[in-house]
Amino acid sequence: MNGINWFIKCLKQYTKFSGRARRCEFWWFVMIVWAISVAVKLGVALVAGAAAIRLVSGAVSLIFLMPLLAVSARRLHDIGKSGWFMLIPFYNFFLFVQNSMPGSNAYGANPKAQSA
């Protein structure tokens, strides 16, 4: 799968907080959202002022908030942690970069094994 497919998968599963998500699914989604955010801010900066940048930036953030929370919870499930760990600053980044828990866990089957 390429990055766009991972991004679209996350958008389609924006209400799914159960199950597991691979590292590449999570990080591709984060990188593409970041790229969209930067592109939108630059585009708005070319045609409008600072107030418009804040307004559009807030709208973009709200659009991607639910999918980001869902994929974050699924990513944490992939390493065997509760989705609530995303609320712990800095430690959650350490958790997001860890490799998948081998085999099945309480949150489902290993998505790496399913895609192989």
C-alpha atoms as a PDB file:
ATOM      1  CA  MET A   1       0.000   0.000   0.000  1.00  0.00           C
ATOM      2  CA  ASN A   2       1.179   3.517  -0.652  1.00  0.00           C
ATOM      3  CA  GLY A   3       0.749   6.565   1.581  1.00  0.00           C
ATOM      4  CA  ILE A   4      -2.402   7.848  -0.093  1.00  0.00           C
ATOM      5  CA  ASN A   5      -4.113   4.492   0.402  1.00  0.00           C
ATOM      6  CA  TRP A   6      -3.228   4.532   4.116  1.00  0.00           C
ATOM      7  CA  PHE A   7      -4.567   8.086   4.350  1.00  0.00           C
ATOM      8  CA  ILE A   8      -7.850   7.159   2.645  1.00  0.00           C
ATOM      9  CA  LYS A   9      -8.184   4.068   4.847  1.00  0.00           C
ATOM     10  CA  CYS A  10      -7.881   6.259   7.957  1.00  0.00           C
ATOM     11  CA  LEU A  11     -10.475   8.697   6.632  1.00  0.00           C
ATOM     12  CA  LYS A  12     -12.895   5.841   5.940  1.00  0.00           C
ATOM     13  CA  GLN A  13     -12.383   4.458   9.458  1.00  0.00           C
ATOM     14  CA  TYR A  14     -12.735   7.790  11.245  1.00  0.00           C
ATOM     15  CA  THR A  15     -15.251   6.384  13.747  1.00  0.00           C
ATOM     16  CA  LYS A  16     -13.503   3.063  14.320  1.00  0.00           C
ATOM     17  CA  PHE A  17     -11.673   3.211  17.640  1.00  0.00           C
ATOM     18  CA  SER A  18     -11.413  -0.568  17.972  1.00  0.00           C
ATOM     19  CA  GLY A  19      -8.905  -2.834  16.305  1.00  0.00           C
ATOM     20  CA  ARG A  20      -5.298  -2.203  15.438  1.00  0.00           C
ATOM     21  CA  ALA A  21      -3.378   0.091  13.067  1.00  0.00           C
ATOM     22  CA  ARG A  22       0.148  -0.452  11.794  1.00  0.00           C
ATOM     23  CA  ARG A  23       2.890   2.124  12.221  1.00  0.00           C
ATOM     24  CA  CYS A  24       2.890   2.972   8.522  1.00  0.00           C
ATOM     25  CA  GLU A  25      -0.872   3.595   8.574  1.00  0.00           C
ATOM     26  CA  PHE A  26      -0.530   6.006  11.489  1.00  0.00           C
ATOM     27  CA  TRP A  27       2.560   7.857  10.256  1.00  0.00           C
ATOM     28  CA  TRP A  28       1.385   8.190   6.641  1.00  0.00           C
ATOM     29  CA  PHE A  29      -1.842   9.695   7.917  1.00  0.00           C
ATOM     30  CA  VAL A  30       0.023  12.131  10.197  1.00  0.00           C
ATOM     31  CA  MET A  31       2.450  13.168   7.443  1.00  0.00           C
ATOM     32  CA  ILE A  32      -0.262  13.731   4.835  1.00  0.00           C
ATOM     33  CA  VAL A  33      -2.414  15.727   7.276  1.00  0.00           C
ATOM     34  CA  TRP A  34       0.640  17.834   8.117  1.00  0.00           C
ATOM     35  CA  ALA A  35       1.375  18.381   4.393  1.00  0.00           C
ATOM     36  CA  ILE A  36      -2.255  19.364   3.723  1.00  0.00           C
ATOM     37  CA  SER A  37      -2.181  21.752   6.668  1.00  0.00           C
ATOM     38  CA  VAL A  38       1.023  23.430   5.470  1.00  0.00           C
ATOM     39  CA  ALA A  39      -0.248  23.678   1.892  1.00  0.00           C
ATOM     40  CA  VAL A  40      -3.550  25.211   3.001  1.00  0.00           C
ATOM     41  CA  LYS A  41      -1.786  27.715   5.263  1.00  0.00           C
ATOM     42  CA  LEU A  42       0.572  28.746   2.473  1.00  0.00           C
ATOM     43  CA  GLY A  43      -2.302  29.065   0.023  1.00  0.00           C
ATOM     44  CA  VAL A  44      -4.341  31.182   2.398  1.00  0.00           C
ATOM     45  CA  ALA A  45      -1.274  33.294   3.276  1.00  0.00           C
ATOM     46  CA  LEU A  46      -0.903  34.206  -0.387  1.00  0.00           C
ATOM     47  CA  VAL A  47      -4.444  35.552  -0.690  1.00  0.00           C
ATOM     48  CA  ALA A  48      -5.521  36.608   2.821  1.00  0.00           C
ATOM     49  CA  GLY A  49      -4.281  37.861   6.165  1.00  0.00           C
ATOM     50  CA  ALA A  50      -3.332  36.288   9.471  1.00  0.00           C
ATOM     51  CA  ALA A  51      -6.919  36.069  10.733  1.00  0.00           C
ATOM     52  CA  ALA A  52      -7.911  34.002   7.710  1.00  0.00           C
ATOM     53  CA  ILE A  53      -4.934  31.704   8.245  1.00  0.00           C
ATOM     54  CA  ARG A  54      -6.039  31.024  11.825  1.00  0.00           C
ATOM     55  CA  LEU A  55      -9.632  30.421  10.744  1.00  0.00           C
ATOM     56  CA  VAL A  56      -8.749  28.042   7.907  1.00  0.00           C
ATOM     57  CA  SER A  57      -6.098  26.305  10.018  1.00  0.00           C
ATOM     58  CA  GLY A  58      -8.680  25.686  12.727  1.00  0.00           C
ATOM     59  CA  ALA A  59     -11.137  24.316  10.187  1.00  0.00           C
ATOM     60  CA  VAL A  60      -8.532  21.931   8.757  1.00  0.00           C
ATOM     61  CA  SER A  61      -7.651  20.789  12.278  1.00  0.00           C
ATOM     62  CA  LEU A  62     -11.305  20.095  13.077  1.00  0.00           C
ATOM     63  CA  ILE A  63     -11.780  18.156   9.839  1.00  0.00           C
ATOM     64  CA  PHE A  64      -8.951  15.759  10.674  1.00  0.00           C
ATOM     65  CA  LEU A  65      -9.450  15.576  14.458  1.00  0.00           C
ATOM     66  CA  MET A  66     -11.726  12.497  14.581  1.00  0.00           C
ATOM     67  CA  PRO A  67      -9.706  10.431  12.083  1.00  0.00           C
ATOM     68  CA  LEU A  68      -6.503  11.319  13.966  1.00  0.00           C
ATOM     69  CA  LEU A  69      -7.966  10.288  17.321  1.00  0.00           C
ATOM     70  CA  ALA A  70      -9.279   7.033  15.848  1.00  0.00           C
ATOM     71  CA  VAL A  71      -6.028   6.029  14.156  1.00  0.00           C
ATOM     72  CA  SER A  72      -4.088   7.020  17.294  1.00  0.00           C
ATOM     73  CA  ALA A  73      -6.250   4.748  19.439  1.00  0.00           C
ATOM     74  CA  ARG A  74      -5.873   1.887  16.948  1.00  0.00           C
ATOM     75  CA  ARG A  75      -2.095   2.469  16.818  1.00  0.00           C
ATOM     76  CA  LEU A  76      -1.866   2.195  20.591  1.00  0.00           C
ATOM     77  CA  HIS A  77      -3.998  -0.945  20.489  1.00  0.00           C
ATOM     78  CA  ASP A  78      -1.462  -2.404  18.058  1.00  0.00           C
ATOM     79  CA  ILE A  79       1.226  -2.304  20.736  1.00  0.00           C
ATOM     80  CA  GLY A  80      -1.133  -3.601  23.430  1.00  0.00           C
ATOM     81  CA  LYS A  81      -1.929  -0.294  25.145  1.00  0.00           C
ATOM     82  CA  SER A  82      -5.218   1.445  25.811  1.00  0.00           C
ATOM     83  CA  GLY A  83      -6.162   4.299  23.510  1.00  0.00           C
ATOM     84  CA  TRP A  84      -6.210   6.592  26.549  1.00  0.00           C
ATOM     85  CA  PHE A  85      -2.389   6.598  26.519  1.00  0.00           C
ATOM     86  CA  MET A  86      -2.583   9.196  23.742  1.00  0.00           C
ATOM     87  CA  LEU A  87      -3.378  11.745  26.456  1.00  0.00           C
ATOM     88  CA  ILE A  88       0.080  11.398  28.038  1.00  0.00           C
ATOM     89  CA  PRO A  89       2.387  13.974  26.421  1.00  0.00           C
ATOM     90  CA  PHE A  90       5.753  12.828  25.064  1.00  0.00           C
ATOM     91  CA  TYR A  91       5.267   9.224  26.250  1.00  0.00           C
ATOM     92  CA  ASN A  92       2.643   8.737  23.552  1.00  0.00           C
ATOM     93  CA  PHE A  93       5.244   9.592  20.879  1.00  0.00           C
ATOM     94  CA  PHE A  94       7.464   6.831  22.267  1.00  0.00           C
ATOM     95  CA  LEU A  95       4.512   4.451  22.011  1.00  0.00           C
ATOM     96  CA  PHE A  96       3.600   5.509  18.463  1.00  0.00           C
ATOM     97  CA  VAL A  97       7.052   4.565  17.113  1.00  0.00           C
ATOM     98  CA  GLN A  98       7.126   1.078  18.655  1.00  0.00           C
ATOM     99  CA  ASN A  99       6.780  -2.009  16.506  1.00  0.00           C
ATOM    100  CA  SER A 100       3.559  -4.012  16.454  1.00  0.00           C
ATOM    101  CA  MET A 101       2.921  -6.529  19.182  1.00  0.00           C
ATOM    102  CA  PRO A 102       3.464  -9.952  17.591  1.00  0.00           C
ATOM    103  CA  GLY A 103       0.422 -12.167  17.270  1.00  0.00           C
ATOM    104  CA  SER A 104      -3.037 -11.347  18.508  1.00  0.00           C
ATOM    105  CA  ASN A 105      -3.724  -9.233  21.557  1.00  0.00           C
ATOM    106  CA  ALA A 106      -6.848  -8.067  23.390  1.00  0.00           C
ATOM    107  CA  TYR A 107      -7.590  -5.619  20.554  1.00  0.00           C
ATOM    108  CA  GLY A 108      -7.472  -8.066  17.634  1.00  0.00           C
ATOM    109  CA  ALA A 109      -5.204  -9.871  15.225  1.00  0.00           C
ATOM    110  CA  ASN A 110      -1.869  -8.411  14.125  1.00  0.00           C
ATOM    111  CA  PRO A 111      -2.486  -6.329  10.980  1.00  0.00           C
ATOM    112  CA  LYS A 112       1.040  -7.092   9.731  1.00  0.00           C
ATOM    113  CA  ALA A 113       0.242 -10.792   9.645  1.00  0.00           C
ATOM    114  CA  GLN A 114      -3.039 -10.135   7.844  1.00  0.00           C
ATOM    115  CA  SER A 115      -1.425  -8.097   5.062  1.00  0.00           C
ATOM    116  CA  ALA A 116       1.477 -10.506   4.484  1.00  0.00           C
END
